[in-house]
């Protein structure tokens, strides 16, 4: 993928996925509520319209130790796959304010 280049790394960069990806994401996850509150304070006002959408995505492989990945209804009609649901909250202009992933 182009992820590492988009993050400013050289093309020949071989990332340590735990150190360079999962650890920073874990730190962001710990701050998610605080970050989303700041977004809400900036982009939502009392009585404003908010938009909410939900989607699901399915997974290939085994996810025995996941709290989120479960079998369920899949809108893509993929049978026999585990999935997660993703909810997105935006302001009326479509600016993302909050996201939640759940089983």
PDB file of N, CA and C in Angstrom:
ATOM      1  N   UNK A   1       0.836  -1.181   0.000  1.00  0.00           N
ATOM      2  CA  UNK A   1       0.000   0.000   0.000  1.00  0.00           C
ATOM      3  C   UNK A   1       0.879   1.242   0.000  1.00  0.00           C
ATOM      4  N   UNK A   2       0.254   2.365  -0.202  1.00  0.00           N
ATOM      5  CA  UNK A   2       0.968   3.646  -0.185  1.00  0.00           C
ATOM      6  C   UNK A   2       0.976   4.272   1.204  1.00  0.00           C
ATOM      7  N   UNK A   3       0.467   3.563   2.197  1.00  0.00           N
ATOM      8  CA  UNK A   3       0.338   4.123   3.541  1.00  0.00           C
ATOM      9  C   UNK A   3       1.646   4.695   4.066  1.00  0.00           C
ATOM     10  N   UNK A   4       2.725   3.944   3.939  1.00  0.00           N
ATOM     11  CA  UNK A   4       3.990   4.387   4.524  1.00  0.00           C
ATOM     12  C   UNK A   4       4.512   5.622   3.812  1.00  0.00           C
ATOM     13  N   UNK A   5       4.370   5.681   2.484  1.00  0.00           N
ATOM     14  CA  UNK A   5       4.780   6.878   1.749  1.00  0.00           C
ATOM     15  C   UNK A   5       3.930   8.079   2.140  1.00  0.00           C
ATOM     16  N   UNK A   6       2.615   7.862   2.283  1.00  0.00           N
ATOM     17  CA  UNK A   6       1.733   8.954   2.681  1.00  0.00           C
ATOM     18  C   UNK A   6       2.079   9.478   4.066  1.00  0.00           C
ATOM     19  N   UNK A   7       2.679   8.621   4.889  1.00  0.00           N
ATOM     20  CA  UNK A   7       3.103   9.034   6.228  1.00  0.00           C
ATOM     21  C   UNK A   7       4.488   9.671   6.216  1.00  0.00           C
ATOM     22  N   UNK A   8       5.078   9.813   5.024  1.00  0.00           N
ATOM     23  CA  UNK A   8       6.345  10.511   4.904  1.00  0.00           C
ATOM     24  C   UNK A   8       7.574   9.626   4.907  1.00  0.00           C
ATOM     25  N   UNK A   9       7.402   8.308   4.815  1.00  0.00           N
ATOM     26  CA  UNK A   9       8.549   7.403   4.795  1.00  0.00           C
ATOM     27  C   UNK A   9       9.033   7.176   3.366  1.00  0.00           C
ATOM     28  N   UNK A  10      10.307   6.845   3.235  1.00  0.00           N
ATOM     29  CA  UNK A  10      10.890   6.547   1.930  1.00  0.00           C
ATOM     30  C   UNK A  10      10.213   5.317   1.319  1.00  0.00           C
ATOM     31  N   UNK A  11      10.279   5.215  -0.017  1.00  0.00           N
ATOM     32  CA  UNK A  11       9.691   4.062  -0.713  1.00  0.00           C
ATOM     33  C   UNK A  11      10.292   2.744  -0.249  1.00  0.00           C
ATOM     34  N   UNK A  12      11.589   2.742   0.055  1.00  0.00           N
ATOM     35  CA  UNK A  12      12.252   1.499   0.448  1.00  0.00           C
ATOM     36  C   UNK A  12      12.142   1.227   1.949  1.00  0.00           C
ATOM     37  N   UNK A  13      11.360   2.009   2.664  1.00  0.00           N
ATOM     38  CA  UNK A  13      11.179   1.860   4.112  1.00  0.00           C
ATOM     39  C   UNK A  13      10.463   0.553   4.414  1.00  0.00           C
ATOM     40  N   UNK A  14      11.042  -0.239   5.284  1.00  0.00           N
ATOM     41  CA  UNK A  14      10.414  -1.474   5.730  1.00  0.00           C
ATOM     42  C   UNK A  14       9.924  -1.254   7.159  1.00  0.00           C
ATOM     43  N   UNK A  15       8.644  -1.001   7.337  1.00  0.00           N
ATOM     44  CA  UNK A  15       8.138  -0.642   8.661  1.00  0.00           C
ATOM     45  C   UNK A  15       8.120  -1.811   9.624  1.00  0.00           C
ATOM     46  N   UNK A  16       8.294  -1.481  10.873  1.00  0.00           N
ATOM     47  CA  UNK A  16       7.994  -2.408  11.956  1.00  0.00           C
ATOM     48  C   UNK A  16       6.521  -2.150  12.244  1.00  0.00           C
ATOM     49  N   UNK A  17       5.652  -3.007  11.780  1.00  0.00           N
ATOM     50  CA  UNK A  17       4.220  -2.751  11.820  1.00  0.00           C
ATOM     51  C   UNK A  17       3.731  -2.515  13.245  1.00  0.00           C
ATOM     52  N   UNK A  18       4.263  -3.259  14.213  1.00  0.00           N
ATOM     53  CA  UNK A  18       3.841  -3.027  15.604  1.00  0.00           C
ATOM     54  C   UNK A  18       4.250  -1.638  16.068  1.00  0.00           C
ATOM     55  N   UNK A  19       5.529  -1.288  15.859  1.00  0.00           N
ATOM     56  CA  UNK A  19       6.046  -0.004  16.341  1.00  0.00           C
ATOM     57  C   UNK A  19       5.507   1.173  15.535  1.00  0.00           C
ATOM     58  N   UNK A  20       5.433   1.028  14.221  1.00  0.00           N
ATOM     59  CA  UNK A  20       5.098   2.145  13.352  1.00  0.00           C
ATOM     60  C   UNK A  20       3.611   2.260  13.022  1.00  0.00           C
ATOM     61  N   UNK A  21       2.815   1.262  13.372  1.00  0.00           N
ATOM     62  CA  UNK A  21       1.394   1.310  13.024  1.00  0.00           C
ATOM     63  C   UNK A  21       0.507   1.002  14.230  1.00  0.00           C
ATOM     64  N   UNK A  22       0.609  -0.212  14.765  1.00  0.00           N
ATOM     65  CA  UNK A  22      -0.313  -0.622  15.829  1.00  0.00           C
ATOM     66  C   UNK A  22      -0.122   0.159  17.120  1.00  0.00           C
ATOM     67  N   UNK A  23       1.103   0.414  17.514  1.00  0.00           N
ATOM     68  CA  UNK A  23       1.326   1.176  18.753  1.00  0.00           C
ATOM     69  C   UNK A  23       0.775   2.605  18.653  1.00  0.00           C
ATOM     70  N   UNK A  24       1.035   3.342  17.548  1.00  0.00           N
ATOM     71  CA  UNK A  24       0.423   4.669  17.433  1.00  0.00           C
ATOM     72  C   UNK A  24      -1.114   4.607  17.397  1.00  0.00           C
ATOM     73  N   UNK A  25      -1.666   3.587  16.731  1.00  0.00           N
ATOM     74  CA  UNK A  25      -3.118   3.453  16.697  1.00  0.00           C
ATOM     75  C   UNK A  25      -3.674   3.155  18.085  1.00  0.00           C
ATOM     76  N   UNK A  26      -2.970   2.344  18.861  1.00  0.00           N
ATOM     77  CA  UNK A  26      -3.399   2.071  20.237  1.00  0.00           C
ATOM     78  C   UNK A  26      -3.392   3.344  21.076  1.00  0.00           C
ATOM     79  N   UNK A  27      -2.372   4.192  20.881  1.00  0.00           N
ATOM     80  CA  UNK A  27      -2.324   5.456  21.622  1.00  0.00           C
ATOM     81  C   UNK A  27      -3.496   6.360  21.225  1.00  0.00           C
ATOM     82  N   UNK A  28      -3.815   6.400  19.935  1.00  0.00           N
ATOM     83  CA  UNK A  28      -4.963   7.192  19.487  1.00  0.00           C
ATOM     84  C   UNK A  28      -6.269   6.630  20.045  1.00  0.00           C
ATOM     85  N   UNK A  29      -6.383   5.323  20.075  1.00  0.00           N
ATOM     86  CA  UNK A  29      -7.599   4.697  20.590  1.00  0.00           C
ATOM     87  C   UNK A  29      -7.843   5.082  22.048  1.00  0.00           C
ATOM     88  N   UNK A  30      -6.778   5.162  22.830  1.00  0.00           N
ATOM     89  CA  UNK A  30      -6.912   5.567  24.236  1.00  0.00           C
ATOM     90  C   UNK A  30      -7.433   6.998  24.353  1.00  0.00           C
ATOM     91  N   UNK A  31      -7.174   7.836  23.344  1.00  0.00           N
ATOM     92  CA  UNK A  31      -7.589   9.244  23.360  1.00  0.00           C
ATOM     93  C   UNK A  31      -8.828   9.498  22.514  1.00  0.00           C
ATOM     94  N   UNK A  32      -9.452   8.444  21.967  1.00  0.00           N
ATOM     95  CA  UNK A  32     -10.546   8.611  21.018  1.00  0.00           C
ATOM     96  C   UNK A  32     -11.675   9.476  21.565  1.00  0.00           C
ATOM     97  N   UNK A  33     -12.146   9.216  22.776  1.00  0.00           N
ATOM     98  CA  UNK A  33     -13.257   9.995  23.324  1.00  0.00           C
ATOM     99  C   UNK A  33     -12.898  11.471  23.442  1.00  0.00           C
ATOM    100  N   UNK A  34     -11.703  11.756  23.897  1.00  0.00           N
ATOM    101  CA  UNK A  34     -11.264  13.141  24.032  1.00  0.00           C
ATOM    102  C   UNK A  34     -11.159  13.826  22.666  1.00  0.00           C
ATOM    103  N   UNK A  35     -10.605  13.121  21.696  1.00  0.00           N
ATOM    104  CA  UNK A  35     -10.468  13.674  20.343  1.00  0.00           C
ATOM    105  C   UNK A  35     -11.845  13.940  19.747  1.00  0.00           C
ATOM    106  N   UNK A  36     -12.767  12.982  19.897  1.00  0.00           N
ATOM    107  CA  UNK A  36     -14.106  13.146  19.340  1.00  0.00           C
ATOM    108  C   UNK A  36     -14.862  14.275  20.035  1.00  0.00           C
ATOM    109  N   UNK A  37     -14.641  14.460  21.329  1.00  0.00           N
ATOM    110  CA  UNK A  37     -15.282  15.581  22.039  1.00  0.00           C
ATOM    111  C   UNK A  37     -14.795  16.902  21.461  1.00  0.00           C
ATOM    112  N   UNK A  38     -13.490  16.995  21.186  1.00  0.00           N
ATOM    113  CA  UNK A  38     -12.955  18.222  20.582  1.00  0.00           C
ATOM    114  C   UNK A  38     -13.568  18.466  19.202  1.00  0.00           C
ATOM    115  N   UNK A  39     -13.709  17.403  18.387  1.00  0.00           N
ATOM    116  CA  UNK A  39     -14.349  17.540  17.083  1.00  0.00           C
ATOM    117  C   UNK A  39     -15.790  18.003  17.232  1.00  0.00           C
ATOM    118  N   UNK A  40     -16.520  17.393  18.189  1.00  0.00           N
ATOM    119  CA  UNK A  40     -17.923  17.766  18.403  1.00  0.00           C
ATOM    120  C   UNK A  40     -18.031  19.225  18.841  1.00  0.00           C
ATOM    121  N   UNK A  41     -17.176  19.631  19.770  1.00  0.00           N
ATOM    122  CA  UNK A  41     -17.203  21.025  20.226  1.00  0.00           C
ATOM    123  C   UNK A  41     -16.939  21.996  19.078  1.00  0.00           C
ATOM    124  N   UNK A  42     -16.079  21.586  18.158  1.00  0.00           N
ATOM    125  CA  UNK A  42     -15.716  22.470  17.045  1.00  0.00           C
ATOM    126  C   UNK A  42     -16.762  22.456  15.929  1.00  0.00           C
ATOM    127  N   UNK A  43     -17.336  21.292  15.629  1.00  0.00           N
ATOM    128  CA  UNK A  43     -18.158  21.152  14.427  1.00  0.00           C
ATOM    129  C   UNK A  43     -19.656  20.988  14.669  1.00  0.00           C
ATOM    130  N   UNK A  44     -20.082  20.848  15.930  1.00  0.00           N
ATOM    131  CA  UNK A  44     -21.507  20.701  16.227  1.00  0.00           C
ATOM    132  C   UNK A  44     -21.945  21.807  17.167  1.00  0.00           C
ATOM    133  N   UNK A  45     -23.124  22.337  16.934  1.00  0.00           N
ATOM    134  CA  UNK A  45     -23.708  23.359  17.801  1.00  0.00           C
ATOM    135  C   UNK A  45     -25.046  22.841  18.307  1.00  0.00           C
ATOM    136  N   UNK A  46     -25.528  23.362  19.428  1.00  0.00           N
ATOM    137  CA  UNK A  46     -26.823  22.947  19.978  1.00  0.00           C
ATOM    138  C   UNK A  46     -27.917  23.063  18.923  1.00  0.00           C
ATOM    139  N   UNK A  47     -28.697  22.008  18.780  1.00  0.00           N
ATOM    140  CA  UNK A  47     -29.815  22.014  17.852  1.00  0.00           C
ATOM    141  C   UNK A  47     -29.445  21.786  16.399  1.00  0.00           C
ATOM    142  N   UNK A  48     -28.172  21.512  16.098  1.00  0.00           N
ATOM    143  CA  UNK A  48     -27.766  21.323  14.709  1.00  0.00           C
ATOM    144  C   UNK A  48     -28.173  19.933  14.210  1.00  0.00           C
ATOM    145  N   UNK A  49     -28.195  19.797  12.911  1.00  0.00           N
ATOM    146  CA  UNK A  49     -28.468  18.507  12.292  1.00  0.00           C
ATOM    147  C   UNK A  49     -27.182  17.698  12.281  1.00  0.00           C
ATOM    148  N   UNK A  50     -27.282  16.430  12.673  1.00  0.00           N
ATOM    149  CA  UNK A  50     -26.157  15.511  12.552  1.00  0.00           C
ATOM    150  C   UNK A  50     -26.583  14.368  11.640  1.00  0.00           C
ATOM    151  N   UNK A  51     -25.629  13.782  10.975  1.00  0.00           N
ATOM    152  CA  UNK A  51     -25.877  12.658  10.080  1.00  0.00           C
ATOM    153  C   UNK A  51     -25.174  11.434  10.645  1.00  0.00           C
ATOM    154  N   UNK A  52     -25.849  10.289  10.569  1.00  0.00           N
ATOM    155  CA  UNK A  52     -25.281   9.044  11.087  1.00  0.00           C
ATOM    156  C   UNK A  52     -25.477   7.969  10.034  1.00  0.00           C
ATOM    157  N   UNK A  53     -24.446   7.196   9.801  1.00  0.00           N
ATOM    158  CA  UNK A  53     -24.538   6.091   8.860  1.00  0.00           C
ATOM    159  C   UNK A  53     -23.845   4.891   9.474  1.00  0.00           C
ATOM    160  N   UNK A  54     -24.307   3.736   9.097  1.00  0.00           N
ATOM    161  CA  UNK A  54     -23.713   2.501   9.589  1.00  0.00           C
ATOM    162  C   UNK A  54     -23.432   1.605   8.395  1.00  0.00           C
ATOM    163  N   UNK A  55     -22.325   0.906   8.466  1.00  0.00           N
ATOM    164  CA  UNK A  55     -21.978  -0.059   7.444  1.00  0.00           C
ATOM    165  C   UNK A  55     -21.324  -1.243   8.131  1.00  0.00           C
ATOM    166  N   UNK A  56     -21.080  -2.272   7.378  1.00  0.00           N
ATOM    167  CA  UNK A  56     -20.371  -3.428   7.920  1.00  0.00           C
ATOM    168  C   UNK A  56     -19.297  -3.832   6.933  1.00  0.00           C
ATOM    169  N   UNK A  57     -18.309  -4.510   7.435  1.00  0.00           N
ATOM    170  CA  UNK A  57     -17.279  -5.062   6.573  1.00  0.00           C
ATOM    171  C   UNK A  57     -16.978  -6.467   7.064  1.00  0.00           C
ATOM    172  N   UNK A  58     -16.689  -7.338   6.134  1.00  0.00           N
ATOM    173  CA  UNK A  58     -16.434  -8.730   6.511  1.00  0.00           C
ATOM    174  C   UNK A  58     -14.941  -9.029   6.441  1.00  0.00           C
ATOM    175  N   UNK A  59     -14.568 -10.123   7.083  1.00  0.00           N
ATOM    176  CA  UNK A  59     -13.167 -10.509   7.180  1.00  0.00           C
ATOM    177  C   UNK A  59     -12.956 -11.909   6.636  1.00  0.00           C
ATOM    178  N   UNK A  60     -11.802 -12.110   6.066  1.00  0.00           N
ATOM    179  CA  UNK A  60     -11.339 -13.439   5.681  1.00  0.00           C
ATOM    180  C   UNK A  60     -10.393 -13.902   6.774  1.00  0.00           C
ATOM    181  N   UNK A  61     -10.364 -15.170   7.068  1.00  0.00           N
ATOM    182  CA  UNK A  61      -9.448 -15.691   8.073  1.00  0.00           C
ATOM    183  C   UNK A  61     -10.160 -15.978   9.380  1.00  0.00           C
ATOM    184  N   UNK A  62      -9.360 -16.228  10.414  1.00  0.00           N
ATOM    185  CA  UNK A  62      -9.899 -16.577  11.723  1.00  0.00           C
ATOM    186  C   UNK A  62      -9.614 -15.474  12.723  1.00  0.00           C
ATOM    187  N   UNK A  63     -10.615 -15.150  13.523  1.00  0.00           N
ATOM    188  CA  UNK A  63     -10.508 -14.085  14.512  1.00  0.00           C
ATOM    189  C   UNK A  63     -11.050 -14.579  15.846  1.00  0.00           C
ATOM    190  N   UNK A  64     -10.485 -15.665  16.344  1.00  0.00           N
ATOM    191  CA  UNK A  64     -11.001 -16.304  17.554  1.00  0.00           C
ATOM    192  C   UNK A  64     -10.870 -15.428  18.791  1.00  0.00           C
ATOM    193  N   UNK A  65      -9.863 -14.575  18.859  1.00  0.00           N
ATOM    194  CA  UNK A  65      -9.611 -13.792  20.064  1.00  0.00           C
ATOM    195  C   UNK A  65     -10.128 -12.358  19.954  1.00  0.00           C
ATOM    196  N   UNK A  66     -10.953 -12.062  18.977  1.00  0.00           N
ATOM    197  CA  UNK A  66     -11.449 -10.703  18.793  1.00  0.00           C
ATOM    198  C   UNK A  66     -12.741 -10.485  19.570  1.00  0.00           C
ATOM    199  N   UNK A  67     -12.829  -9.329  20.244  1.00  0.00           N
ATOM    200  CA  UNK A  67     -14.069  -8.946  20.919  1.00  0.00           C
ATOM    201  C   UNK A  67     -15.069  -8.346  19.941  1.00  0.00           C
ATOM    202  N   UNK A  68     -14.602  -7.890  18.791  1.00  0.00           N
ATOM    203  CA  UNK A  68     -15.459  -7.194  17.837  1.00  0.00           C
ATOM    204  C   UNK A  68     -15.929  -8.053  16.671  1.00  0.00           C
ATOM    205  N   UNK A  69     -15.073  -8.914  16.187  1.00  0.00           N
ATOM    206  CA  UNK A  69     -15.373  -9.664  14.978  1.00  0.00           C
ATOM    207  C   UNK A  69     -16.313 -10.816  15.317  1.00  0.00           C
ATOM    208  N   UNK A  70     -17.524 -10.767  14.744  1.00  0.00           N
ATOM    209  CA  UNK A  70     -18.557 -11.760  15.025  1.00  0.00           C
ATOM    210  C   UNK A  70     -19.288 -12.121  13.737  1.00  0.00           C
ATOM    211  N   UNK A  71     -19.939 -13.283  13.749  1.00  0.00           N
ATOM    212  CA  UNK A  71     -20.823 -13.621  12.649  1.00  0.00           C
ATOM    213  C   UNK A  71     -22.087 -12.781  12.777  1.00  0.00           C
ATOM    214  N   UNK A  72     -22.645 -12.359  11.651  1.00  0.00           N
ATOM    215  CA  UNK A  72     -23.861 -11.577  11.673  1.00  0.00           C
ATOM    216  C   UNK A  72     -24.357 -11.316  10.270  1.00  0.00           C
ATOM    217  N   UNK A  73     -25.424 -10.535  10.173  1.00  0.00           N
ATOM    218  CA  UNK A  73     -26.002 -10.178   8.882  1.00  0.00           C
ATOM    219  C   UNK A  73     -25.006  -9.326   8.106  1.00  0.00           C
ATOM    220  N   UNK A  74     -24.753  -9.704   6.866  1.00  0.00           N
ATOM    221  CA  UNK A  74     -23.812  -8.982   6.030  1.00  0.00           C
ATOM    222  C   UNK A  74     -24.543  -8.406   4.834  1.00  0.00           C
ATOM    223  N   UNK A  75     -24.498  -7.114   4.662  1.00  0.00           N
ATOM    224  CA  UNK A  75     -25.204  -6.441   3.563  1.00  0.00           C
ATOM    225  C   UNK A  75     -24.632  -6.780   2.195  1.00  0.00           C
ATOM    226  N   UNK A  76     -23.403  -7.299   2.166  1.00  0.00           N
ATOM    227  CA  UNK A  76     -22.789  -7.699   0.897  1.00  0.00           C
ATOM    228  C   UNK A  76     -23.168  -9.122   0.513  1.00  0.00           C
ATOM    229  N   UNK A  77     -24.022  -9.754   1.312  1.00  0.00           N
ATOM    230  CA  UNK A  77     -24.465 -11.139   1.074  1.00  0.00           C
ATOM    231  C   UNK A  77     -23.309 -12.126   1.077  1.00  0.00           C
ATOM    232  N   UNK A  78     -22.268 -11.836   1.828  1.00  0.00           N
ATOM    233  CA  UNK A  78     -21.145 -12.763   1.980  1.00  0.00           C
ATOM    234  C   UNK A  78     -21.490 -13.706   3.128  1.00  0.00           C
ATOM    235  N   UNK A  79     -21.742 -14.936   2.821  1.00  0.00           N
ATOM    236  CA  UNK A  79     -22.112 -15.901   3.847  1.00  0.00           C
ATOM    237  C   UNK A  79     -20.878 -16.591   4.395  1.00  0.00           C
ATOM    238  N   UNK A  80     -20.937 -16.916   5.683  1.00  0.00           N
ATOM    239  CA  UNK A  80     -19.843 -17.662   6.291  1.00  0.00           C
ATOM    240  C   UNK A  80     -18.639 -16.817   6.664  1.00  0.00           C
ATOM    241  N   UNK A  81     -18.814 -15.491   6.730  1.00  0.00           N
ATOM    242  CA  UNK A  81     -17.711 -14.602   7.092  1.00  0.00           C
ATOM    243  C   UNK A  81     -18.056 -13.835   8.358  1.00  0.00           C
ATOM    244  N   UNK A  82     -17.038 -13.599   9.151  1.00  0.00           N
ATOM    245  CA  UNK A  82     -17.227 -12.756  10.326  1.00  0.00           C
ATOM    246  C   UNK A  82     -17.150 -11.293   9.892  1.00  0.00           C
ATOM    247  N   UNK A  83     -17.681 -10.411  10.736  1.00  0.00           N
ATOM    248  CA  UNK A  83     -17.751  -9.014  10.350  1.00  0.00           C
ATOM    249  C   UNK A  83     -17.697  -8.109  11.566  1.00  0.00           C
ATOM    250  N   UNK A  84     -17.545  -6.822  11.288  1.00  0.00           N
ATOM    251  CA  UNK A  84     -17.738  -5.764  12.277  1.00  0.00           C
ATOM    252  C   UNK A  84     -18.675  -4.739  11.670  1.00  0.00           C
ATOM    253  N   UNK A  85     -19.300  -3.943  12.529  1.00  0.00           N
ATOM    254  CA  UNK A  85     -20.158  -2.844  12.109  1.00  0.00           C
ATOM    255  C   UNK A  85     -19.441  -1.544  12.448  1.00  0.00           C
ATOM    256  N   UNK A  86     -19.625  -0.553  11.593  1.00  0.00           N
ATOM    257  CA  UNK A  86     -18.952   0.727  11.758  1.00  0.00           C
ATOM    258  C   UNK A  86     -20.001   1.833  11.657  1.00  0.00           C
ATOM    259  N   UNK A  87     -20.062   2.662  12.681  1.00  0.00           N
ATOM    260  CA  UNK A  87     -20.979   3.788  12.677  1.00  0.00           C
ATOM    261  C   UNK A  87     -20.189   5.081  12.558  1.00  0.00           C
ATOM    262  N   UNK A  88     -20.687   6.013  11.748  1.00  0.00           N
ATOM    263  CA  UNK A  88     -20.017   7.292  11.516  1.00  0.00           C
ATOM    264  C   UNK A  88     -21.001   8.433  11.766  1.00  0.00           C
ATOM    265  N   UNK A  89     -20.583   9.404  12.563  1.00  0.00           N
ATOM    266  CA  UNK A  89     -21.366  10.597  12.850  1.00  0.00           C
ATOM    267  C   UNK A  89     -20.678  11.789  12.208  1.00  0.00           C
ATOM    268  N   UNK A  90     -21.428  12.575  11.436  1.00  0.00           N
ATOM    269  CA  UNK A  90     -20.863  13.772  10.799  1.00  0.00           C
ATOM    270  C   UNK A  90     -21.768  14.968  11.074  1.00  0.00           C
ATOM    271  N   UNK A  91     -21.225  16.155  10.822  1.00  0.00           N
ATOM    272  CA  UNK A  91     -22.088  17.332  10.852  1.00  0.00           C
ATOM    273  C   UNK A  91     -22.839  17.394   9.530  1.00  0.00           C
ATOM    274  N   UNK A  92     -23.696  18.382   9.356  1.00  0.00           N
ATOM    275  CA  UNK A  92     -24.545  18.450   8.169  1.00  0.00           C
ATOM    276  C   UNK A  92     -23.734  18.610   6.878  1.00  0.00           C
ATOM    277  N   UNK A  93     -22.518  19.156   6.983  1.00  0.00           N
ATOM    278  CA  UNK A  93     -21.654  19.286   5.795  1.00  0.00           C
ATOM    279  C   UNK A  93     -20.892  18.006   5.484  1.00  0.00           C
ATOM    280  N   UNK A  94     -21.010  17.004   6.348  1.00  0.00           N
ATOM    281  CA  UNK A  94     -20.321  15.739   6.124  1.00  0.00           C
ATOM    282  C   UNK A  94     -18.968  15.633   6.789  1.00  0.00           C
ATOM    283  N   UNK A  95     -18.615  16.592   7.642  1.00  0.00           N
ATOM    284  CA  UNK A  95     -17.333  16.545   8.349  1.00  0.00           C
ATOM    285  C   UNK A  95     -17.419  15.480   9.451  1.00  0.00           C
ATOM    286  N   UNK A  96     -16.551  14.467   9.419  1.00  0.00           N
ATOM    287  CA  UNK A  96     -16.600  13.407  10.435  1.00  0.00           C
ATOM    288  C   UNK A  96     -16.351  13.963  11.834  1.00  0.00           C
ATOM    289  N   UNK A  97     -17.180  13.534  12.771  1.00  0.00           N
ATOM    290  CA  UNK A  97     -17.062  13.965  14.150  1.00  0.00           C
ATOM    291  C   UNK A  97     -16.739  12.790  15.056  1.00  0.00           C
ATOM    292  N   UNK A  98     -17.325  11.618  14.790  1.00  0.00           N
ATOM    293  CA  UNK A  98     -17.097  10.463  15.639  1.00  0.00           C
ATOM    294  C   UNK A  98     -17.277   9.187  14.824  1.00  0.00           C
ATOM    295  N   UNK A  99     -16.586   8.151  15.241  1.00  0.00           N
ATOM    296  CA  UNK A  99     -16.714   6.839  14.628  1.00  0.00           C
ATOM    297  C   UNK A  99     -16.714   5.801  15.725  1.00  0.00           C
ATOM    298  N   UNK A 100     -17.476   4.744  15.524  1.00  0.00           N
ATOM    299  CA  UNK A 100     -17.513   3.656  16.496  1.00  0.00           C
ATOM    300  C   UNK A 100     -17.565   2.339  15.738  1.00  0.00           C
ATOM    301  N   UNK A 101     -16.816   1.385  16.223  1.00  0.00           N
ATOM    302  CA  UNK A 101     -16.827   0.045  15.654  1.00  0.00           C
ATOM    303  C   UNK A 101     -17.381  -0.893  16.709  1.00  0.00           C
ATOM    304  N   UNK A 102     -18.316  -1.741  16.304  1.00  0.00           N
ATOM    305  CA  UNK A 102     -18.914  -2.657  17.277  1.00  0.00           C
ATOM    306  C   UNK A 102     -19.276  -3.970  16.616  1.00  0.00           C
ATOM    307  N   UNK A 103     -19.472  -4.966  17.463  1.00  0.00           N
ATOM    308  CA  UNK A 103     -19.764  -6.329  16.978  1.00  0.00           C
ATOM    309  C   UNK A 103     -21.109  -6.378  16.293  1.00  0.00           C
TER     310      UNK A 103
END
